[in-house]
Amino acid sequence: MEHIVIIGNGISGVTAARHIRKLSNKKITIISAETDYFFSRTALMYVYMGHMKFEHTQPYEPWFWKKNRIELKKGFVERVETASKTLHFSNKEQMNYDKLIIATGSKPNKFGWPGQDLKGVMGLYHKQDLERLEAYAPNNNICKRAVIVGGGLIGIELAEMLHSRHIPVTFLVREDSFWNGVLPNGESQMINEEIRKNGIDLRLGVNLKEI
């Protein structure tokens, strides 16, 4: 039986697995080093804000995977040997495949800033990022001020998250107005005012030089 292996259990990897199962009886394995089960990344902010627990972020019940004959493997793939179609894991295990789908997603963009790898400098994408955020910014006694670099959707979500725990936030946006590449000027200006009205130290037209 043809074995299809998918590295990454995010929305792309899981959607691929579901469609392959609908169309065939091939063996399917999903590999992830992040979590046991697929979860909704957009819900990470609500976990931090106390609106839900992490187990509530799973769109599918545990029985879903067995019913659909999708095998899940927890592990980190260190090397792909395409000639022999072999995956090499960090724990020295190996797995063979017939077709391989790499669906490992994205990661926060860094631009070679001095200090970008210091302790406490992080993005918000993985479950492990949420755990680090809980460690570095559990409250305003531990975290006296947070700085967010980047005026995208994740940036504004982080501002809301930290603000919900009364942590002072400085928000660095390189554009002249928040999301002005998407919104008309008037609406963008309204958002600037709303951000500042909530006590966020919004700084527009700035670029990070060093951490």
Protein backbone atom coordinates (compact mmCIF):
# COMPACT_ATOMS: atom_id res chain seq x y z
CA MET A 1 0.00 0.00 0.00
CA GLU A 2 1.32 3.43 -0.92
CA HIS A 3 2.42 5.37 2.15
CA ILE A 4 1.88 9.14 2.14
CA VAL A 5 3.68 11.03 4.90
CA ILE A 6 2.83 14.60 5.83
CA ILE A 7 5.26 16.63 7.94
CA GLY A 8 3.23 19.21 9.83
CA ASN A 9 -0.15 18.89 11.54
CA GLY A 10 -1.42 22.40 10.85
CA ILE A 11 -4.41 23.30 8.72
CA SER A 12 -2.57 22.58 5.42
CA GLY A 13 -1.27 19.16 6.45
CA VAL A 14 -4.55 18.02 7.99
CA THR A 15 -6.62 19.29 5.06
CA ALA A 16 -4.35 17.39 2.68
CA ALA A 17 -4.76 14.22 4.76
CA ARG A 18 -8.55 14.55 4.81
CA HIS A 19 -8.80 14.98 1.03
CA ILE A 20 -6.40 12.08 0.36
CA ARG A 21 -8.52 9.88 2.61
CA LYS A 22 -11.72 10.90 0.79
CA LEU A 23 -10.17 9.95 -2.53
CA SER A 24 -8.19 6.82 -1.61
CA ASN A 25 -7.37 4.06 0.84
CA LYS A 26 -3.67 4.90 0.95
CA LYS A 27 -1.76 4.76 4.22
CA ILE A 28 -1.48 8.27 5.71
CA THR A 29 0.85 9.41 8.48
CA ILE A 30 0.99 12.94 9.89
CA ILE A 31 4.17 13.90 11.78
CA SER A 32 4.47 16.81 14.21
CA ALA A 33 6.99 17.76 16.89
CA GLU A 34 4.69 20.49 18.20
CA THR A 35 1.54 18.82 19.52
CA ASP A 36 -0.17 15.44 19.56
CA TYR A 37 -3.23 16.79 17.76
CA PHE A 38 -4.12 19.45 15.22
CA PHE A 39 -5.30 22.66 16.89
CA SER A 40 -6.59 26.07 15.86
CA ARG A 41 -3.67 28.54 15.95
CA THR A 42 -5.99 31.53 15.88
CA ALA A 43 -7.35 30.38 19.25
CA LEU A 44 -4.00 30.73 21.05
CA MET A 45 -4.88 34.31 22.00
CA TYR A 46 -8.12 33.19 23.65
CA VAL A 47 -6.25 30.61 25.73
CA TYR A 48 -3.89 33.30 27.01
CA MET A 49 -6.81 35.64 27.71
CA GLY A 50 -8.58 32.94 29.71
CA HIS A 51 -11.59 32.55 27.41
CA MET A 52 -10.86 28.89 26.70
CA LYS A 53 -8.51 26.04 27.59
CA PHE A 54 -5.98 24.62 25.16
CA GLU A 55 -7.87 21.32 24.84
CA HIS A 56 -10.82 23.33 23.50
CA THR A 57 -8.74 24.41 20.47
CA GLN A 58 -8.88 20.96 18.86
CA PRO A 59 -11.41 20.97 15.98
CA TYR A 60 -11.60 17.15 15.93
CA GLU A 61 -12.27 14.64 18.68
CA PRO A 62 -9.47 12.09 19.37
CA TRP A 63 -11.53 9.30 17.73
CA PHE A 64 -11.55 11.20 14.40
CA TRP A 65 -8.04 10.07 13.46
CA LYS A 66 -8.61 6.37 14.04
CA LYS A 67 -11.97 6.45 12.26
CA ASN A 68 -10.37 8.05 9.21
CA ARG A 69 -7.28 5.80 9.41
CA ILE A 70 -4.87 8.72 9.73
CA GLU A 71 -1.87 7.79 11.83
CA LEU A 72 -0.31 10.48 14.03
CA LYS A 73 3.35 10.46 15.01
CA LYS A 74 5.01 12.84 17.47
CA GLY A 75 8.58 13.48 16.41
CA PHE A 76 11.05 15.91 14.85
CA VAL A 77 12.34 15.13 11.36
CA GLU A 78 16.00 16.10 11.19
CA ARG A 79 16.77 14.89 7.69
CA VAL A 80 14.96 13.75 4.54
CA GLU A 81 16.84 11.27 2.38
CA THR A 82 15.05 11.52 -0.95
CA ALA A 83 17.07 8.83 -2.77
CA SER A 84 15.90 6.10 -0.39
CA LYS A 85 12.69 7.94 0.60
CA THR A 86 13.62 7.79 4.26
CA LEU A 87 12.92 10.23 7.10
CA HIS A 88 15.45 10.47 9.92
CA PHE A 89 14.14 11.62 13.29
CA SER A 90 16.03 13.40 16.08
CA ASN A 91 15.64 10.31 18.29
CA LYS A 92 17.40 8.21 15.59
CA GLU A 93 14.18 6.55 14.41
CA GLN A 94 13.53 6.21 10.69
CA MET A 95 10.41 6.07 8.54
CA ASN A 96 9.99 5.22 4.87
CA TYR A 97 7.53 6.96 2.59
CA ASP A 98 6.31 6.74 -0.99
CA LYS A 99 5.16 10.35 -1.25
CA LEU A 100 6.08 13.19 1.08
CA ILE A 101 4.15 16.40 1.76
CA ILE A 102 5.97 19.13 3.67
CA ALA A 103 3.41 21.32 5.43
CA THR A 104 5.51 22.87 8.18
CA GLY A 105 3.99 26.34 7.90
CA SER A 106 5.66 29.67 8.56
CA LYS A 107 7.66 31.28 11.34
CA PRO A 108 8.17 34.85 12.54
CA ASN A 109 10.41 36.88 10.24
CA LYS A 110 13.64 38.24 11.70
CA PHE A 111 15.99 40.63 9.93
CA GLY A 112 19.34 39.99 11.57
CA TRP A 113 18.78 42.44 14.42
CA PRO A 114 21.49 42.31 17.11
CA GLY A 115 19.90 40.60 20.10
CA GLN A 116 17.09 38.92 18.18
CA ASP A 117 17.87 35.56 19.80
CA LEU A 118 18.02 36.82 23.37
CA LYS A 119 15.92 35.18 26.07
CA GLY A 120 12.42 36.57 26.05
CA VAL A 121 12.44 37.51 22.35
CA MET A 122 9.79 35.39 20.64
CA GLY A 123 6.97 35.19 18.15
CA LEU A 124 3.45 33.82 18.49
CA TYR A 125 2.87 30.87 16.24
CA HIS A 126 3.51 27.57 18.04
CA LYS A 127 1.97 26.14 21.17
CA GLN A 128 5.47 26.43 22.62
CA ASP A 129 5.29 30.19 21.97
CA LEU A 130 2.16 30.33 24.12
CA GLU A 131 4.01 28.47 26.87
CA ARG A 132 6.93 30.90 26.63
CA LEU A 133 4.54 33.84 26.76
CA GLU A 134 3.04 32.42 29.95
CA ALA A 135 6.56 32.14 31.39
CA TYR A 136 7.81 35.60 30.34
CA ALA A 137 4.58 37.59 30.65
CA PRO A 138 2.21 35.95 33.13
CA ASN A 139 1.35 39.30 34.74
CA ASN A 140 2.58 42.88 35.08
CA ASN A 141 4.71 42.04 38.11
CA ILE A 142 6.93 39.70 36.08
CA CYS A 143 6.68 41.62 32.79
CA LYS A 144 6.95 45.36 33.40
CA ARG A 145 6.62 46.20 29.69
CA ALA A 146 6.21 44.26 26.47
CA VAL A 147 7.35 45.47 23.05
CA ILE A 148 5.67 44.20 19.89
CA VAL A 149 7.50 44.53 16.58
CA GLY A 150 5.24 44.42 13.53
CA GLY A 151 1.82 45.87 12.77
CA GLY A 152 0.11 42.82 11.31
CA LEU A 153 -2.79 40.79 12.67
CA ILE A 154 -0.59 38.80 15.06
CA GLY A 155 0.87 42.05 16.37
CA ILE A 156 -2.52 43.57 17.16
CA GLU A 157 -3.69 40.29 18.70
CA LEU A 158 -0.63 40.25 20.96
CA ALA A 159 -1.37 43.82 22.00
CA GLU A 160 -4.89 42.81 23.00
CA MET A 161 -3.63 39.71 24.80
CA LEU A 162 -1.03 41.55 26.88
CA HIS A 163 -3.41 44.43 27.54
CA SER A 164 -5.93 41.95 28.97
CA ARG A 165 -3.39 41.20 31.72
CA HIS A 166 -2.68 44.89 32.31
CA ILE A 167 0.86 44.63 30.93
CA PRO A 168 2.09 47.95 29.44
CA VAL A 169 2.66 47.55 25.70
CA THR A 170 4.77 49.46 23.19
CA PHE A 171 3.70 48.66 19.63
CA LEU A 172 6.26 49.34 16.88
CA VAL A 173 4.82 49.73 13.37
CA ARG A 174 7.04 50.71 10.44
CA GLU A 175 4.14 52.05 8.36
CA ASP A 176 2.83 55.59 8.89
CA SER A 177 -0.55 54.25 10.00
CA PHE A 178 -1.80 50.85 11.20
CA TRP A 179 -2.63 48.51 8.28
CA ASN A 180 -2.69 51.40 5.82
CA GLY A 181 -1.73 49.05 3.01
CA VAL A 182 -5.12 47.37 3.37
CA LEU A 183 -7.48 49.96 4.83
CA PRO A 184 -8.48 53.40 3.53
CA ASN A 185 -6.75 56.24 5.36
CA GLY A 186 -9.79 57.22 7.44
CA GLU A 187 -10.38 53.72 8.80
CA SER A 188 -6.65 53.25 9.46
CA GLN A 189 -6.57 56.49 11.45
CA MET A 190 -9.59 55.34 13.47
CA ILE A 191 -7.71 52.19 14.45
CA ASN A 192 -4.65 54.23 15.47
CA GLU A 193 -6.89 56.26 17.77
CA GLU A 194 -8.58 53.16 19.20
CA ILE A 195 -5.23 51.48 19.93
CA ARG A 196 -3.97 54.57 21.77
CA LYS A 197 -7.30 55.05 23.55
CA ASN A 198 -6.73 51.62 25.12
CA GLY A 199 -3.40 52.74 26.55
CA ILE A 200 -1.13 51.09 23.98
CA ASP A 201 2.06 53.04 23.23
CA LEU A 202 1.70 52.97 19.44
CA ARG A 203 4.78 54.21 17.59
CA LEU A 204 4.32 54.65 13.84
CA GLY A 205 6.97 54.97 11.13
CA VAL A 206 9.69 53.26 13.16
CA ASN A 207 12.09 50.45 12.33
CA LEU A 208 13.78 48.22 14.87
CA LYS A 209 17.58 48.58 14.90
CA GLU A 210 18.75 46.50 17.86
CA ILE A 211 17.40 44.53 20.83
